[in-house]
Amino acid sequence: MTFNDVEFKACARCGVEPAIEDVRERSLDRPNVMSVTCPSCGMSNSIAWGSLMATPQKEAVAMLADSWNSR
């Protein structure tokens, strides 16, 4: 699957396509959280990225994809 033009491979554990959740908080002290989860087996990974867009979203998506795809 792709999210923001970044490819996320199928779950390394069971082969099902993952789901992405992007939770943005408009806060100075709480980070935004983006997670990828397998809807079948529940394997997941998440990344907290800079509040108020300190880290660009595209960069956060790429970091999450690298982490997920390297499993």
PDB file of N, CA and C in Angstrom:
ATOM      1  N   MET A   1       0.830  -1.173   0.000  1.00  0.00           N
ATOM      2  CA  MET A   1       0.000   0.000   0.000  1.00  0.00           C
ATOM      3  C   MET A   1       0.875   1.236   0.000  1.00  0.00           C
ATOM      4  N   THR A   2       0.337   2.324  -0.465  1.00  0.00           N
ATOM      5  CA  THR A   2       1.075   3.585  -0.417  1.00  0.00           C
ATOM      6  C   THR A   2       0.298   4.590   0.430  1.00  0.00           C
ATOM      7  N   PHE A   3       1.041   5.453   1.096  1.00  0.00           N
ATOM      8  CA  PHE A   3       0.480   6.530   1.894  1.00  0.00           C
ATOM      9  C   PHE A   3       1.345   7.740   1.629  1.00  0.00           C
ATOM     10  N   ASN A   4       0.750   8.800   1.114  1.00  0.00           N
ATOM     11  CA  ASN A   4       1.506  10.005   0.728  1.00  0.00           C
ATOM     12  C   ASN A   4       2.663   9.662  -0.202  1.00  0.00           C
ATOM     13  N   ASP A   5       2.414   8.802  -1.171  1.00  0.00           N
ATOM     14  CA  ASP A   5       3.383   8.376  -2.184  1.00  0.00           C
ATOM     15  C   ASP A   5       4.563   7.583  -1.629  1.00  0.00           C
ATOM     16  N   VAL A   6       4.443   7.052  -0.411  1.00  0.00           N
ATOM     17  CA  VAL A   6       5.486   6.223   0.186  1.00  0.00           C
ATOM     18  C   VAL A   6       4.921   4.814   0.315  1.00  0.00           C
ATOM     19  N   GLU A   7       5.705   3.815  -0.112  1.00  0.00           N
ATOM     20  CA  GLU A   7       5.215   2.438  -0.101  1.00  0.00           C
ATOM     21  C   GLU A   7       5.444   1.766   1.244  1.00  0.00           C
ATOM     22  N   PHE A   8       4.399   1.114   1.726  1.00  0.00           N
ATOM     23  CA  PHE A   8       4.481   0.282   2.924  1.00  0.00           C
ATOM     24  C   PHE A   8       4.264  -1.158   2.467  1.00  0.00           C
ATOM     25  N   LYS A   9       5.244  -2.022   2.740  1.00  0.00           N
ATOM     26  CA  LYS A   9       5.144  -3.420   2.333  1.00  0.00           C
ATOM     27  C   LYS A   9       4.118  -4.152   3.185  1.00  0.00           C
ATOM     28  N   ALA A  10       3.708  -5.317   2.709  1.00  0.00           N
ATOM     29  CA  ALA A  10       2.778  -6.164   3.461  1.00  0.00           C
ATOM     30  C   ALA A  10       3.428  -6.573   4.782  1.00  0.00           C
ATOM     31  N   CYS A  11       2.617  -6.924   5.735  1.00  0.00           N
ATOM     32  CA  CYS A  11       3.073  -7.340   7.060  1.00  0.00           C
ATOM     33  C   CYS A  11       4.099  -8.464   6.940  1.00  0.00           C
ATOM     34  N   ALA A  12       5.219  -8.301   7.623  1.00  0.00           N
ATOM     35  CA  ALA A  12       6.272  -9.319   7.580  1.00  0.00           C
ATOM     36  C   ALA A  12       5.852 -10.603   8.292  1.00  0.00           C
ATOM     37  N   ARG A  13       4.911 -10.496   9.207  1.00  0.00           N
ATOM     38  CA  ARG A  13       4.477 -11.669   9.977  1.00  0.00           C
ATOM     39  C   ARG A  13       3.436 -12.486   9.233  1.00  0.00           C
ATOM     40  N   CYS A  14       2.415 -11.812   8.630  1.00  0.00           N
ATOM     41  CA  CYS A  14       1.321 -12.598   8.035  1.00  0.00           C
ATOM     42  C   CYS A  14       1.010 -12.229   6.579  1.00  0.00           C
ATOM     43  N   GLY A  15       1.630 -11.178   6.035  1.00  0.00           N
ATOM     44  CA  GLY A  15       1.463 -10.852   4.629  1.00  0.00           C
ATOM     45  C   GLY A  15       0.261  -9.999   4.270  1.00  0.00           C
ATOM     46  N   VAL A  16      -0.477  -9.491   5.251  1.00  0.00           N
ATOM     47  CA  VAL A  16      -1.655  -8.658   4.995  1.00  0.00           C
ATOM     48  C   VAL A  16      -1.222  -7.202   4.843  1.00  0.00           C
ATOM     49  N   GLU A  17      -1.941  -6.463   4.004  1.00  0.00           N
ATOM     50  CA  GLU A  17      -1.626  -5.050   3.797  1.00  0.00           C
ATOM     51  C   GLU A  17      -1.913  -4.253   5.069  1.00  0.00           C
ATOM     52  N   PRO A  18      -1.001  -3.372   5.473  1.00  0.00           N
ATOM     53  CA  PRO A  18      -1.175  -2.629   6.713  1.00  0.00           C
ATOM     54  C   PRO A  18      -2.133  -1.456   6.577  1.00  0.00           C
ATOM     55  N   ALA A  19      -2.517  -0.899   7.723  1.00  0.00           N
ATOM     56  CA  ALA A  19      -3.348   0.306   7.780  1.00  0.00           C
ATOM     57  C   ALA A  19      -2.551   1.404   8.470  1.00  0.00           C
ATOM     58  N   ILE A  20      -2.710   2.637   7.997  1.00  0.00           N
ATOM     59  CA  ILE A  20      -1.991   3.786   8.547  1.00  0.00           C
ATOM     60  C   ILE A  20      -2.958   4.642   9.346  1.00  0.00           C
ATOM     61  N   GLU A  21      -2.493   5.113  10.496  1.00  0.00           N
ATOM     62  CA  GLU A  21      -3.273   6.067  11.280  1.00  0.00           C
ATOM     63  C   GLU A  21      -2.402   7.294  11.520  1.00  0.00           C
ATOM     64  N   ASP A  22      -2.949   8.454  11.245  1.00  0.00           N
ATOM     65  CA  ASP A  22      -2.224   9.717  11.371  1.00  0.00           C
ATOM     66  C   ASP A  22      -2.994  10.591  12.356  1.00  0.00           C
ATOM     67  N   VAL A  23      -2.452  10.744  13.559  1.00  0.00           N
ATOM     68  CA  VAL A  23      -3.111  11.541  14.596  1.00  0.00           C
ATOM     69  C   VAL A  23      -2.312  12.819  14.796  1.00  0.00           C
ATOM     70  N   ARG A  24      -2.939  13.915  14.481  1.00  0.00           N
ATOM     71  CA  ARG A  24      -2.262  15.208  14.639  1.00  0.00           C
ATOM     72  C   ARG A  24      -2.885  15.978  15.788  1.00  0.00           C
ATOM     73  N   GLU A  25      -2.018  16.473  16.638  1.00  0.00           N
ATOM     74  CA  GLU A  25      -2.463  17.279  17.772  1.00  0.00           C
ATOM     75  C   GLU A  25      -1.898  18.680  17.596  1.00  0.00           C
ATOM     76  N   ARG A  26      -2.725  19.653  17.714  1.00  0.00           N
ATOM     77  CA  ARG A  26      -2.257  21.032  17.622  1.00  0.00           C
ATOM     78  C   ARG A  26      -1.849  21.473  19.020  1.00  0.00           C
ATOM     79  N   SER A  27      -0.598  21.171  19.343  1.00  0.00           N
ATOM     80  CA  SER A  27      -0.110  21.407  20.687  1.00  0.00           C
ATOM     81  C   SER A  27       1.376  21.730  20.648  1.00  0.00           C
ATOM     82  N   LEU A  28       1.832  22.498  21.603  1.00  0.00           N
ATOM     83  CA  LEU A  28       3.256  22.819  21.685  1.00  0.00           C
ATOM     84  C   LEU A  28       4.044  21.726  22.402  1.00  0.00           C
ATOM     85  N   ASP A  29       3.382  20.955  23.265  1.00  0.00           N
ATOM     86  CA  ASP A  29       4.108  19.992  24.080  1.00  0.00           C
ATOM     87  C   ASP A  29       3.787  18.532  23.782  1.00  0.00           C
ATOM     88  N   ARG A  30       2.853  18.253  22.886  1.00  0.00           N
ATOM     89  CA  ARG A  30       2.516  16.873  22.537  1.00  0.00           C
ATOM     90  C   ARG A  30       2.833  16.623  21.072  1.00  0.00           C
ATOM     91  N   PRO A  31       3.561  15.562  20.793  1.00  0.00           N
ATOM     92  CA  PRO A  31       3.909  15.281  19.394  1.00  0.00           C
ATOM     93  C   PRO A  31       2.732  14.691  18.623  1.00  0.00           C
ATOM     94  N   ASN A  32       2.819  14.810  17.330  1.00  0.00           N
ATOM     95  CA  ASN A  32       1.893  14.117  16.437  1.00  0.00           C
ATOM     96  C   ASN A  32       2.346  12.659  16.397  1.00  0.00           C
ATOM     97  N   VAL A  33       1.410  11.752  16.226  1.00  0.00           N
ATOM     98  CA  VAL A  33       1.751  10.327  16.204  1.00  0.00           C
ATOM     99  C   VAL A  33       1.199   9.713  14.926  1.00  0.00           C
ATOM    100  N   MET A  34       2.049   8.968  14.262  1.00  0.00           N
ATOM    101  CA  MET A  34       1.656   8.253  13.058  1.00  0.00           C
ATOM    102  C   MET A  34       1.984   6.787  13.307  1.00  0.00           C
ATOM    103  N   SER A  35       1.042   5.896  12.995  1.00  0.00           N
ATOM    104  CA  SER A  35       1.304   4.480  13.228  1.00  0.00           C
ATOM    105  C   SER A  35       0.854   3.650  12.043  1.00  0.00           C
ATOM    106  N   VAL A  36       1.487   2.506  11.914  1.00  0.00           N
ATOM    107  CA  VAL A  36       1.124   1.530  10.893  1.00  0.00           C
ATOM    108  C   VAL A  36       0.836   0.229  11.638  1.00  0.00           C
ATOM    109  N   THR A  37      -0.294  -0.399  11.305  1.00  0.00           N
ATOM    110  CA  THR A  37      -0.731  -1.605  12.015  1.00  0.00           C
ATOM    111  C   THR A  37      -1.264  -2.632  11.026  1.00  0.00           C
ATOM    112  N   CYS A  38      -0.959  -3.883  11.279  1.00  0.00           N
ATOM    113  CA  CYS A  38      -1.534  -4.961  10.489  1.00  0.00           C
ATOM    114  C   CYS A  38      -2.924  -5.255  11.047  1.00  0.00           C
ATOM    115  N   PRO A  39      -3.961  -5.167  10.222  1.00  0.00           N
ATOM    116  CA  PRO A  39      -5.309  -5.427  10.717  1.00  0.00           C
ATOM    117  C   PRO A  39      -5.567  -6.900  11.023  1.00  0.00           C
ATOM    118  N   SER A  40      -4.692  -7.772  10.558  1.00  0.00           N
ATOM    119  CA  SER A  40      -4.892  -9.198  10.760  1.00  0.00           C
ATOM    120  C   SER A  40      -4.234  -9.704  12.048  1.00  0.00           C
ATOM    121  N   CYS A  41      -2.927  -9.473  12.196  1.00  0.00           N
ATOM    122  CA  CYS A  41      -2.216 -10.034  13.348  1.00  0.00           C
ATOM    123  C   CYS A  41      -1.918  -9.000  14.434  1.00  0.00           C
ATOM    124  N   GLY A  42      -2.107  -7.714  14.137  1.00  0.00           N
ATOM    125  CA  GLY A  42      -1.914  -6.685  15.145  1.00  0.00           C
ATOM    126  C   GLY A  42      -0.510  -6.143  15.278  1.00  0.00           C
ATOM    127  N   MET A  43       0.441  -6.645  14.494  1.00  0.00           N
ATOM    128  CA  MET A  43       1.791  -6.099  14.559  1.00  0.00           C
ATOM    129  C   MET A  43       1.728  -4.613  14.205  1.00  0.00           C
ATOM    130  N   SER A  44       2.454  -3.785  14.965  1.00  0.00           N
ATOM    131  CA  SER A  44       2.375  -2.356  14.706  1.00  0.00           C
ATOM    132  C   SER A  44       3.710  -1.671  14.943  1.00  0.00           C
ATOM    133  N   ASN A  45       3.787  -0.459  14.469  1.00  0.00           N
ATOM    134  CA  ASN A  45       4.945   0.394  14.663  1.00  0.00           C
ATOM    135  C   ASN A  45       4.440   1.821  14.631  1.00  0.00           C
ATOM    136  N   SER A  46       5.060   2.701  15.389  1.00  0.00           N
ATOM    137  CA  SER A  46       4.603   4.093  15.382  1.00  0.00           C
ATOM    138  C   SER A  46       5.792   5.030  15.488  1.00  0.00           C
ATOM    139  N   ILE A  47       5.530   6.264  15.149  1.00  0.00           N
ATOM    140  CA  ILE A  47       6.556   7.291  15.235  1.00  0.00           C
ATOM    141  C   ILE A  47       5.888   8.578  15.715  1.00  0.00           C
ATOM    142  N   ALA A  48       6.551   9.246  16.638  1.00  0.00           N
ATOM    143  CA  ALA A  48       6.092  10.557  17.091  1.00  0.00           C
ATOM    144  C   ALA A  48       6.930  11.587  16.343  1.00  0.00           C
ATOM    145  N   TRP A  49       6.262  12.533  15.761  1.00  0.00           N
ATOM    146  CA  TRP A  49       7.005  13.534  15.005  1.00  0.00           C
ATOM    147  C   TRP A  49       6.666  14.909  15.532  1.00  0.00           C
ATOM    148  N   GLY A  50       7.525  15.870  15.230  1.00  0.00           N
ATOM    149  CA  GLY A  50       7.482  17.198  15.813  1.00  0.00           C
ATOM    150  C   GLY A  50       6.126  17.857  15.894  1.00  0.00           C
ATOM    151  N   SER A  51       5.838  18.411  17.051  1.00  0.00           N
ATOM    152  CA  SER A  51       4.605  19.176  17.201  1.00  0.00           C
ATOM    153  C   SER A  51       4.699  20.458  16.391  1.00  0.00           C
ATOM    154  N   LEU A  52       3.581  20.916  15.943  1.00  0.00           N
ATOM    155  CA  LEU A  52       3.480  22.117  15.095  1.00  0.00           C
ATOM    156  C   LEU A  52       4.376  22.048  13.863  1.00  0.00           C
ATOM    157  N   MET A  53       4.443  20.832  13.294  1.00  0.00           N
ATOM    158  CA  MET A  53       5.124  20.611  12.010  1.00  0.00           C
ATOM    159  C   MET A  53       6.628  20.872  12.068  1.00  0.00           C
ATOM    160  N   ALA A  54       7.284  20.649  13.212  1.00  0.00           N
ATOM    161  CA  ALA A  54       8.735  20.810  13.306  1.00  0.00           C
ATOM    162  C   ALA A  54       9.444  19.831  12.364  1.00  0.00           C
ATOM    163  N   THR A  55       8.915  18.614  12.249  1.00  0.00           N
ATOM    164  CA  THR A  55       9.402  17.637  11.276  1.00  0.00           C
ATOM    165  C   THR A  55       8.347  17.554  10.186  1.00  0.00           C
ATOM    166  N   PRO A  56       8.724  17.736   8.940  1.00  0.00           N
ATOM    167  CA  PRO A  56       7.724  17.651   7.868  1.00  0.00           C
ATOM    168  C   PRO A  56       7.050  16.284   7.846  1.00  0.00           C
ATOM    169  N   GLN A  57       5.749  16.285   7.544  1.00  0.00           N
ATOM    170  CA  GLN A  57       4.990  15.041   7.534  1.00  0.00           C
ATOM    171  C   GLN A  57       5.576  14.037   6.556  1.00  0.00           C
ATOM    172  N   LYS A  58       5.995  14.487   5.385  1.00  0.00           N
ATOM    173  CA  LYS A  58       6.537  13.562   4.388  1.00  0.00           C
ATOM    174  C   LYS A  58       7.777  12.843   4.933  1.00  0.00           C
ATOM    175  N   GLU A  59       8.606  13.559   5.669  1.00  0.00           N
ATOM    176  CA  GLU A  59       9.790  12.948   6.276  1.00  0.00           C
ATOM    177  C   GLU A  59       9.384  11.927   7.345  1.00  0.00           C
ATOM    178  N   ALA A  60       8.364  12.244   8.130  1.00  0.00           N
ATOM    179  CA  ALA A  60       7.874  11.309   9.150  1.00  0.00           C
ATOM    180  C   ALA A  60       7.320  10.048   8.504  1.00  0.00           C
ATOM    181  N   VAL A  61       6.577  10.194   7.410  1.00  0.00           N
ATOM    182  CA  VAL A  61       6.030   9.034   6.699  1.00  0.00           C
ATOM    183  C   VAL A  61       7.167   8.165   6.173  1.00  0.00           C
ATOM    184  N   ALA A  62       8.202   8.781   5.620  1.00  0.00           N
ATOM    185  CA  ALA A  62       9.342   8.031   5.092  1.00  0.00           C
ATOM    186  C   ALA A  62      10.070   7.281   6.207  1.00  0.00           C
ATOM    187  N   MET A  63      10.234   7.900   7.370  1.00  0.00           N
ATOM    188  CA  MET A  63      10.894   7.232   8.500  1.00  0.00           C
ATOM    189  C   MET A  63      10.061   6.051   8.986  1.00  0.00           C
ATOM    190  N   LEU A  64       8.743   6.226   9.060  1.00  0.00           N
ATOM    191  CA  LEU A  64       7.865   5.138   9.488  1.00  0.00           C
ATOM    192  C   LEU A  64       7.903   3.989   8.486  1.00  0.00           C
ATOM    193  N   ALA A  65       7.882   4.310   7.197  1.00  0.00           N
ATOM    194  CA  ALA A  65       7.940   3.274   6.158  1.00  0.00           C
ATOM    195  C   ALA A  65       9.262   2.518   6.215  1.00  0.00           C
ATOM    196  N   ASP A  66      10.383   3.228   6.423  1.00  0.00           N
ATOM    197  CA  ASP A  66      11.684   2.564   6.516  1.00  0.00           C
ATOM    198  C   ASP A  66      11.690   1.579   7.678  1.00  0.00           C
ATOM    199  N   SER A  67      11.138   2.001   8.797  1.00  0.00           N
ATOM    200  CA  SER A  67      11.086   1.147   9.977  1.00  0.00           C
ATOM    201  C   SER A  67      10.192  -0.078   9.738  1.00  0.00           C
ATOM    202  N   TRP A  68       9.013   0.149   9.167  1.00  0.00           N
ATOM    203  CA  TRP A  68       8.067  -0.944   8.900  1.00  0.00           C
ATOM    204  C   TRP A  68       8.625  -1.914   7.856  1.00  0.00           C
ATOM    205  N   ASN A  69       9.170  -1.374   6.783  1.00  0.00           N
ATOM    206  CA  ASN A  69       9.627  -2.208   5.672  1.00  0.00           C
ATOM    207  C   ASN A  69      10.894  -3.003   6.010  1.00  0.00           C
ATOM    208  N   SER A  70      11.629  -2.585   7.032  1.00  0.00           N
ATOM    209  CA  SER A  70      12.865  -3.290   7.368  1.00  0.00           C
ATOM    210  C   SER A  70      12.626  -4.468   8.310  1.00  0.00           C
ATOM    211  N   ARG A  71      11.389  -4.695   8.698  1.00  0.00           N
ATOM    212  CA  ARG A  71      11.073  -5.825   9.595  1.00  0.00           C
ATOM    213  C   ARG A  71      11.175  -7.134   8.862  1.00  0.00           C
TER     214      ARG A  71
END
